[in-house]
Amino acid sequence: MPNRNGTGPSGAGPLTGRGAGVCNGAGFGRGAGFAAPGVHEMSEKDLLATRRDLLERELSAVNSRLDALEDEKKTE
């Protein structure tokens, strides 16, 4: 996961990549076979709630940028 920030590849959320990271319990990438300290399995409900929160933040950022572009257009 880039930057270990919980967003997954391309900001798509946790567990959306190829399964080489710590989120899948494999440890330190490429299926090391052991979980990193502090890594636990998440329930489907928790995963979906996390994904929803990430998508809401991303949508908010897109809406803010669109508003800024509209404001720029009005001032031209």
PDB file of N, CA and C in Angstrom:
ATOM      1  N   MET A   1       0.851  -1.170   0.000  1.00  0.00           N
ATOM      2  CA  MET A   1       0.000   0.000   0.000  1.00  0.00           C
ATOM      3  C   MET A   1       0.899   1.236   0.000  1.00  0.00           C
ATOM      4  N   PRO A   2       0.754   2.097  -0.958  1.00  0.00           N
ATOM      5  CA  PRO A   2       1.594   3.279  -1.026  1.00  0.00           C
ATOM      6  C   PRO A   2       1.453   4.141   0.225  1.00  0.00           C
ATOM      7  N   ASN A   3       2.565   4.527   0.784  1.00  0.00           N
ATOM      8  CA  ASN A   3       2.620   5.417   1.945  1.00  0.00           C
ATOM      9  C   ASN A   3       1.942   4.864   3.193  1.00  0.00           C
ATOM     10  N   ARG A   4       1.469   3.653   3.166  1.00  0.00           N
ATOM     11  CA  ARG A   4       0.800   3.029   4.319  1.00  0.00           C
ATOM     12  C   ARG A   4      -0.257   3.946   4.926  1.00  0.00           C
ATOM     13  N   ASN A   5      -1.066   4.592   4.064  1.00  0.00           N
ATOM     14  CA  ASN A   5      -2.054   5.557   4.540  1.00  0.00           C
ATOM     15  C   ASN A   5      -3.477   5.025   4.519  1.00  0.00           C
ATOM     16  N   GLY A   6      -3.664   3.752   4.227  1.00  0.00           N
ATOM     17  CA  GLY A   6      -4.994   3.156   4.285  1.00  0.00           C
ATOM     18  C   GLY A   6      -5.830   3.340   3.038  1.00  0.00           C
ATOM     19  N   THR A   7      -5.269   3.994   2.005  1.00  0.00           N
ATOM     20  CA  THR A   7      -6.075   4.258   0.820  1.00  0.00           C
ATOM     21  C   THR A   7      -5.940   3.184  -0.242  1.00  0.00           C
ATOM     22  N   GLY A   8      -4.961   2.329  -0.137  1.00  0.00           N
ATOM     23  CA  GLY A   8      -4.773   1.281  -1.137  1.00  0.00           C
ATOM     24  C   GLY A   8      -4.274   1.847  -2.449  1.00  0.00           C
ATOM     25  N   PRO A   9      -4.150   0.987  -3.454  1.00  0.00           N
ATOM     26  CA  PRO A   9      -3.653   1.455  -4.737  1.00  0.00           C
ATOM     27  C   PRO A   9      -4.611   2.447  -5.384  1.00  0.00           C
ATOM     28  N   SER A  10      -4.105   3.528  -5.855  1.00  0.00           N
ATOM     29  CA  SER A  10      -4.889   4.563  -6.544  1.00  0.00           C
ATOM     30  C   SER A  10      -6.046   5.092  -5.707  1.00  0.00           C
ATOM     31  N   GLY A  11      -5.927   5.024  -4.389  1.00  0.00           N
ATOM     32  CA  GLY A  11      -6.974   5.550  -3.519  1.00  0.00           C
ATOM     33  C   GLY A  11      -8.240   4.719  -3.498  1.00  0.00           C
ATOM     34  N   ALA A  12      -8.152   3.471  -3.937  1.00  0.00           N
ATOM     35  CA  ALA A  12      -9.337   2.630  -4.059  1.00  0.00           C
ATOM     36  C   ALA A  12      -9.760   1.971  -2.758  1.00  0.00           C
ATOM     37  N   GLY A  13      -8.988   2.125  -1.691  1.00  0.00           N
ATOM     38  CA  GLY A  13      -9.367   1.548  -0.414  1.00  0.00           C
ATOM     39  C   GLY A  13      -8.587   0.296  -0.087  1.00  0.00           C
ATOM     40  N   PRO A  14      -8.673  -0.162   1.161  1.00  0.00           N
ATOM     41  CA  PRO A  14      -7.927  -1.334   1.580  1.00  0.00           C
ATOM     42  C   PRO A  14      -8.420  -2.596   0.900  1.00  0.00           C
ATOM     43  N   LEU A  15      -7.525  -3.534   0.750  1.00  0.00           N
ATOM     44  CA  LEU A  15      -7.810  -4.855   0.170  1.00  0.00           C
ATOM     45  C   LEU A  15      -8.302  -4.779  -1.275  1.00  0.00           C
ATOM     46  N   THR A  16      -7.844  -3.788  -2.030  1.00  0.00           N
ATOM     47  CA  THR A  16      -8.249  -3.678  -3.423  1.00  0.00           C
ATOM     48  C   THR A  16      -7.089  -3.935  -4.373  1.00  0.00           C
ATOM     49  N   GLY A  17      -5.930  -4.263  -3.831  1.00  0.00           N
ATOM     50  CA  GLY A  17      -4.753  -4.511  -4.670  1.00  0.00           C
ATOM     51  C   GLY A  17      -4.570  -5.989  -4.964  1.00  0.00           C
ATOM     52  N   ARG A  18      -3.313  -6.370  -5.138  1.00  0.00           N
ATOM     53  CA  ARG A  18      -3.000  -7.753  -5.506  1.00  0.00           C
ATOM     54  C   ARG A  18      -2.739  -8.654  -4.308  1.00  0.00           C
ATOM     55  N   GLY A  19      -2.943  -8.126  -3.094  1.00  0.00           N
ATOM     56  CA  GLY A  19      -2.822  -8.960  -1.898  1.00  0.00           C
ATOM     57  C   GLY A  19      -1.406  -9.168  -1.426  1.00  0.00           C
ATOM     58  N   ALA A  20      -0.485  -8.272  -1.754  1.00  0.00           N
ATOM     59  CA  ALA A  20       0.905  -8.455  -1.375  1.00  0.00           C
ATOM     60  C   ALA A  20       1.275  -7.704  -0.102  1.00  0.00           C
ATOM     61  N   GLY A  21       0.380  -6.921   0.443  1.00  0.00           N
ATOM     62  CA  GLY A  21       0.710  -6.090   1.600  1.00  0.00           C
ATOM     63  C   GLY A  21       0.264  -6.684   2.913  1.00  0.00           C
ATOM     64  N   VAL A  22       0.327  -5.859   3.954  1.00  0.00           N
ATOM     65  CA  VAL A  22      -0.009  -6.330   5.291  1.00  0.00           C
ATOM     66  C   VAL A  22      -1.504  -6.445   5.523  1.00  0.00           C
ATOM     67  N   CYS A  23      -2.337  -5.816   4.710  1.00  0.00           N
ATOM     68  CA  CYS A  23      -3.785  -5.836   4.936  1.00  0.00           C
ATOM     69  C   CYS A  23      -4.380  -7.234   4.822  1.00  0.00           C
ATOM     70  N   ASN A  24      -3.769  -8.084   4.036  1.00  0.00           N
ATOM     71  CA  ASN A  24      -4.332  -9.420   3.859  1.00  0.00           C
ATOM     72  C   ASN A  24      -3.786 -10.414   4.873  1.00  0.00           C
ATOM     73  N   GLY A  25      -3.000  -9.926   5.835  1.00  0.00           N
ATOM     74  CA  GLY A  25      -2.462 -10.814   6.854  1.00  0.00           C
ATOM     75  C   GLY A  25      -1.228 -11.568   6.405  1.00  0.00           C
ATOM     76  N   ALA A  26      -0.721 -11.266   5.217  1.00  0.00           N
ATOM     77  CA  ALA A  26       0.438 -11.990   4.702  1.00  0.00           C
ATOM     78  C   ALA A  26       1.743 -11.450   5.273  1.00  0.00           C
ATOM     79  N   GLY A  27       1.718 -10.350   5.972  1.00  0.00           N
ATOM     80  CA  GLY A  27       2.945  -9.842   6.570  1.00  0.00           C
ATOM     81  C   GLY A  27       3.569  -8.744   5.768  1.00  0.00           C
ATOM     82  N   PHE A  28       4.767  -8.931   5.331  1.00  0.00           N
ATOM     83  CA  PHE A  28       5.535  -7.874   4.700  1.00  0.00           C
ATOM     84  C   PHE A  28       5.603  -8.032   3.200  1.00  0.00           C
ATOM     85  N   GLY A  29       4.514  -8.342   2.568  1.00  0.00           N
ATOM     86  CA  GLY A  29       4.450  -8.418   1.117  1.00  0.00           C
ATOM     87  C   GLY A  29       4.842  -9.771   0.565  1.00  0.00           C
ATOM     88  N   ARG A  30       4.394 -10.017  -0.615  1.00  0.00           N
ATOM     89  CA  ARG A  30       4.692 -11.233  -1.372  1.00  0.00           C
ATOM     90  C   ARG A  30       4.449 -12.518  -0.582  1.00  0.00           C
ATOM     91  N   GLY A  31       3.395 -12.508   0.242  1.00  0.00           N
ATOM     92  CA  GLY A  31       2.984 -13.725   0.935  1.00  0.00           C
ATOM     93  C   GLY A  31       3.973 -14.236   1.949  1.00  0.00           C
ATOM     94  N   ALA A  32       4.505 -13.372   2.799  1.00  0.00           N
ATOM     95  CA  ALA A  32       5.511 -13.771   3.782  1.00  0.00           C
ATOM     96  C   ALA A  32       4.975 -14.813   4.758  1.00  0.00           C
ATOM     97  N   GLY A  33       3.653 -14.904   4.916  1.00  0.00           N
ATOM     98  CA  GLY A  33       3.072 -15.976   5.705  1.00  0.00           C
ATOM     99  C   GLY A  33       2.835 -15.653   7.170  1.00  0.00           C
ATOM    100  N   PHE A  34       3.090 -14.443   7.597  1.00  0.00           N
ATOM    101  CA  PHE A  34       2.819 -14.077   8.981  1.00  0.00           C
ATOM    102  C   PHE A  34       2.344 -12.638   9.023  1.00  0.00           C
ATOM    103  N   ALA A  35       1.502 -12.348   9.997  1.00  0.00           N
ATOM    104  CA  ALA A  35       0.932 -11.006  10.104  1.00  0.00           C
ATOM    105  C   ALA A  35       1.897 -10.090  10.850  1.00  0.00           C
ATOM    106  N   ALA A  36       1.950  -8.854  10.408  1.00  0.00           N
ATOM    107  CA  ALA A  36       2.748  -7.854  11.108  1.00  0.00           C
ATOM    108  C   ALA A  36       2.105  -7.577  12.462  1.00  0.00           C
ATOM    109  N   PRO A  37       2.897  -7.193  13.449  1.00  0.00           N
ATOM    110  CA  PRO A  37       2.320  -6.887  14.764  1.00  0.00           C
ATOM    111  C   PRO A  37       1.245  -5.813  14.661  1.00  0.00           C
ATOM    112  N   GLY A  38       0.124  -6.054  15.309  1.00  0.00           N
ATOM    113  CA  GLY A  38      -0.957  -5.078  15.339  1.00  0.00           C
ATOM    114  C   GLY A  38      -1.932  -5.189  14.173  1.00  0.00           C
ATOM    115  N   VAL A  39      -1.653  -6.056  13.208  1.00  0.00           N
ATOM    116  CA  VAL A  39      -2.556  -6.220  12.070  1.00  0.00           C
ATOM    117  C   VAL A  39      -3.608  -7.254  12.444  1.00  0.00           C
ATOM    118  N   HIS A  40      -4.874  -6.908  12.241  1.00  0.00           N
ATOM    119  CA  HIS A  40      -5.943  -7.845  12.554  1.00  0.00           C
ATOM    120  C   HIS A  40      -6.892  -7.930  11.364  1.00  0.00           C
ATOM    121  N   GLU A  41      -7.666  -8.958  11.362  1.00  0.00           N
ATOM    122  CA  GLU A  41      -8.655  -9.103  10.298  1.00  0.00           C
ATOM    123  C   GLU A  41      -9.819  -8.166  10.583  1.00  0.00           C
ATOM    124  N   MET A  42     -10.345  -7.582   9.508  1.00  0.00           N
ATOM    125  CA  MET A  42     -11.499  -6.691   9.648  1.00  0.00           C
ATOM    126  C   MET A  42     -12.734  -7.424   9.155  1.00  0.00           C
ATOM    127  N   SER A  43     -13.867  -7.116   9.764  1.00  0.00           N
ATOM    128  CA  SER A  43     -15.107  -7.713   9.299  1.00  0.00           C
ATOM    129  C   SER A  43     -15.507  -7.047   7.986  1.00  0.00           C
ATOM    130  N   GLU A  44     -16.366  -7.687   7.251  1.00  0.00           N
ATOM    131  CA  GLU A  44     -16.838  -7.105   5.992  1.00  0.00           C
ATOM    132  C   GLU A  44     -17.512  -5.758   6.252  1.00  0.00           C
ATOM    133  N   LYS A  45     -18.261  -5.678   7.360  1.00  0.00           N
ATOM    134  CA  LYS A  45     -18.930  -4.421   7.704  1.00  0.00           C
ATOM    135  C   LYS A  45     -17.904  -3.306   7.920  1.00  0.00           C
ATOM    136  N   ASP A  46     -16.824  -3.607   8.648  1.00  0.00           N
ATOM    137  CA  ASP A  46     -15.782  -2.608   8.888  1.00  0.00           C
ATOM    138  C   ASP A  46     -15.078  -2.208   7.591  1.00  0.00           C
ATOM    139  N   LEU A  47     -14.809  -3.188   6.742  1.00  0.00           N
ATOM    140  CA  LEU A  47     -14.174  -2.889   5.455  1.00  0.00           C
ATOM    141  C   LEU A  47     -15.055  -1.980   4.609  1.00  0.00           C
ATOM    142  N   LEU A  48     -16.343  -2.289   4.556  1.00  0.00           N
ATOM    143  CA  LEU A  48     -17.265  -1.479   3.767  1.00  0.00           C
ATOM    144  C   LEU A  48     -17.408  -0.073   4.342  1.00  0.00           C
ATOM    145  N   ALA A  49     -17.444   0.041   5.656  1.00  0.00           N
ATOM    146  CA  ALA A  49     -17.541   1.360   6.280  1.00  0.00           C
ATOM    147  C   ALA A  49     -16.286   2.184   5.991  1.00  0.00           C
ATOM    148  N   THR A  50     -15.122   1.540   6.048  1.00  0.00           N
ATOM    149  CA  THR A  50     -13.868   2.231   5.723  1.00  0.00           C
ATOM    150  C   THR A  50     -13.862   2.683   4.285  1.00  0.00           C
ATOM    151  N   ARG A  51     -14.285   1.808   3.400  1.00  0.00           N
ATOM    152  CA  ARG A  51     -14.333   2.154   1.966  1.00  0.00           C
ATOM    153  C   ARG A  51     -15.297   3.319   1.722  1.00  0.00           C
ATOM    154  N   ARG A  52     -16.473   3.262   2.387  1.00  0.00           N
ATOM    155  CA  ARG A  52     -17.449   4.343   2.254  1.00  0.00           C
ATOM    156  C   ARG A  52     -16.850   5.679   2.690  1.00  0.00           C
ATOM    157  N   ASP A  53     -16.161   5.663   3.822  1.00  0.00           N
ATOM    158  CA  ASP A  53     -15.560   6.896   4.333  1.00  0.00           C
ATOM    159  C   ASP A  53     -14.512   7.440   3.369  1.00  0.00           C
ATOM    160  N   LEU A  54     -13.694   6.559   2.819  1.00  0.00           N
ATOM    161  CA  LEU A  54     -12.682   6.993   1.846  1.00  0.00           C
ATOM    162  C   LEU A  54     -13.334   7.565   0.589  1.00  0.00           C
ATOM    163  N   LEU A  55     -14.377   6.915   0.110  1.00  0.00           N
ATOM    164  CA  LEU A  55     -15.068   7.400  -1.084  1.00  0.00           C
ATOM    165  C   LEU A  55     -15.747   8.744  -0.826  1.00  0.00           C
ATOM    166  N   GLU A  56     -16.315   8.906   0.380  1.00  0.00           N
ATOM    167  CA  GLU A  56     -16.943  10.187   0.716  1.00  0.00           C
ATOM    168  C   GLU A  56     -15.911  11.316   0.733  1.00  0.00           C
ATOM    169  N   ARG A  57     -14.725  11.033   1.290  1.00  0.00           N
ATOM    170  CA  ARG A  57     -13.670  12.049   1.304  1.00  0.00           C
ATOM    171  C   ARG A  57     -13.205  12.373  -0.109  1.00  0.00           C
ATOM    172  N   GLU A  58     -13.066  11.338  -0.934  1.00  0.00           N
ATOM    173  CA  GLU A  58     -12.649  11.563  -2.314  1.00  0.00           C
ATOM    174  C   GLU A  58     -13.696  12.372  -3.076  1.00  0.00           C
ATOM    175  N   LEU A  59     -14.973  12.045  -2.892  1.00  0.00           N
ATOM    176  CA  LEU A  59     -16.044  12.788  -3.547  1.00  0.00           C
ATOM    177  C   LEU A  59     -16.063  14.236  -3.082  1.00  0.00           C
ATOM    178  N   SER A  60     -15.830  14.461  -1.809  1.00  0.00           N
ATOM    179  CA  SER A  60     -15.775  15.820  -1.286  1.00  0.00           C
ATOM    180  C   SER A  60     -14.640  16.608  -1.934  1.00  0.00           C
ATOM    181  N   ALA A  61     -13.494  15.977  -2.108  1.00  0.00           N
ATOM    182  CA  ALA A  61     -12.354  16.636  -2.751  1.00  0.00           C
ATOM    183  C   ALA A  61     -12.667  16.961  -4.210  1.00  0.00           C
ATOM    184  N   VAL A  62     -13.326  16.042  -4.910  1.00  0.00           N
ATOM    185  CA  VAL A  62     -13.702  16.283  -6.306  1.00  0.00           C
ATOM    186  C   VAL A  62     -14.694  17.435  -6.391  1.00  0.00           C
ATOM    187  N   ASN A  63     -15.691  17.437  -5.526  1.00  0.00           N
ATOM    188  CA  ASN A  63     -16.678  18.522  -5.519  1.00  0.00           C
ATOM    189  C   ASN A  63     -16.033  19.872  -5.214  1.00  0.00           C
ATOM    190  N   SER A  64     -15.094  19.885  -4.271  1.00  0.00           N
ATOM    191  CA  SER A  64     -14.392  21.132  -3.951  1.00  0.00           C
ATOM    192  C   SER A  64     -13.606  21.644  -5.147  1.00  0.00           C
ATOM    193  N   ARG A  65     -12.941  20.730  -5.851  1.00  0.00           N
ATOM    194  CA  ARG A  65     -12.169  21.138  -7.031  1.00  0.00           C
ATOM    195  C   ARG A  65     -13.094  21.647  -8.133  1.00  0.00           C
ATOM    196  N   LEU A  66     -14.215  20.985  -8.340  1.00  0.00           N
ATOM    197  CA  LEU A  66     -15.177  21.445  -9.343  1.00  0.00           C
ATOM    198  C   LEU A  66     -15.707  22.831  -8.989  1.00  0.00           C
ATOM    199  N   ASP A  67     -16.000  23.063  -7.721  1.00  0.00           N
ATOM    200  CA  ASP A  67     -16.455  24.384  -7.283  1.00  0.00           C
ATOM    201  C   ASP A  67     -15.385  25.441  -7.538  1.00  0.00           C
ATOM    202  N   ALA A  68     -14.131  25.097  -7.250  1.00  0.00           N
ATOM    203  CA  ALA A  68     -13.039  26.040  -7.476  1.00  0.00           C
ATOM    204  C   ALA A  68     -12.905  26.368  -8.959  1.00  0.00           C
ATOM    205  N   LEU A  69     -13.046  25.358  -9.812  1.00  0.00           N
ATOM    206  CA  LEU A  69     -12.972  25.596 -11.252  1.00  0.00           C
ATOM    207  C   LEU A  69     -14.121  26.471 -11.738  1.00  0.00           C
ATOM    208  N   GLU A  70     -15.303  26.269 -11.185  1.00  0.00           N
ATOM    209  CA  GLU A  70     -16.447  27.101 -11.536  1.00  0.00           C
ATOM    210  C   GLU A  70     -16.214  28.547 -11.113  1.00  0.00           C
ATOM    211  N   ASP A  71     -15.648  28.738  -9.916  1.00  0.00           N
ATOM    212  CA  ASP A  71     -15.351  30.084  -9.427  1.00  0.00           C
ATOM    213  C   ASP A  71     -14.316  30.774 -10.317  1.00  0.00           C
ATOM    214  N   GLU A  72     -13.309  30.007 -10.758  1.00  0.00           N
ATOM    215  CA  GLU A  72     -12.290  30.553 -11.658  1.00  0.00           C
ATOM    216  C   GLU A  72     -12.918  30.979 -12.980  1.00  0.00           C
ATOM    217  N   LYS A  73     -13.840  30.161 -13.467  1.00  0.00           N
ATOM    218  CA  LYS A  73     -14.495  30.451 -14.752  1.00  0.00           C
ATOM    219  C   LYS A  73     -15.322  31.734 -14.644  1.00  0.00           C
ATOM    220  N   LYS A  74     -15.987  31.939 -13.513  1.00  0.00           N
ATOM    221  CA  LYS A  74     -16.833  33.123 -13.331  1.00  0.00           C
ATOM    222  C   LYS A  74     -16.009  34.396 -13.259  1.00  0.00           C
ATOM    223  N   THR A  75     -14.790  34.309 -12.765  1.00  0.00           N
ATOM    224  CA  THR A  75     -13.950  35.499 -12.621  1.00  0.00           C
ATOM    225  C   THR A  75     -13.197  35.855 -13.893  1.00  0.00           C
ATOM    226  N   GLU A  76     -13.262  35.012 -14.901  1.00  0.00           N
ATOM    227  CA  GLU A  76     -12.554  35.292 -16.163  1.00  0.00           C
ATOM    228  C   GLU A  76     -13.275  36.302 -16.992  1.00  0.00           C
TER     229      GLU A  76
END
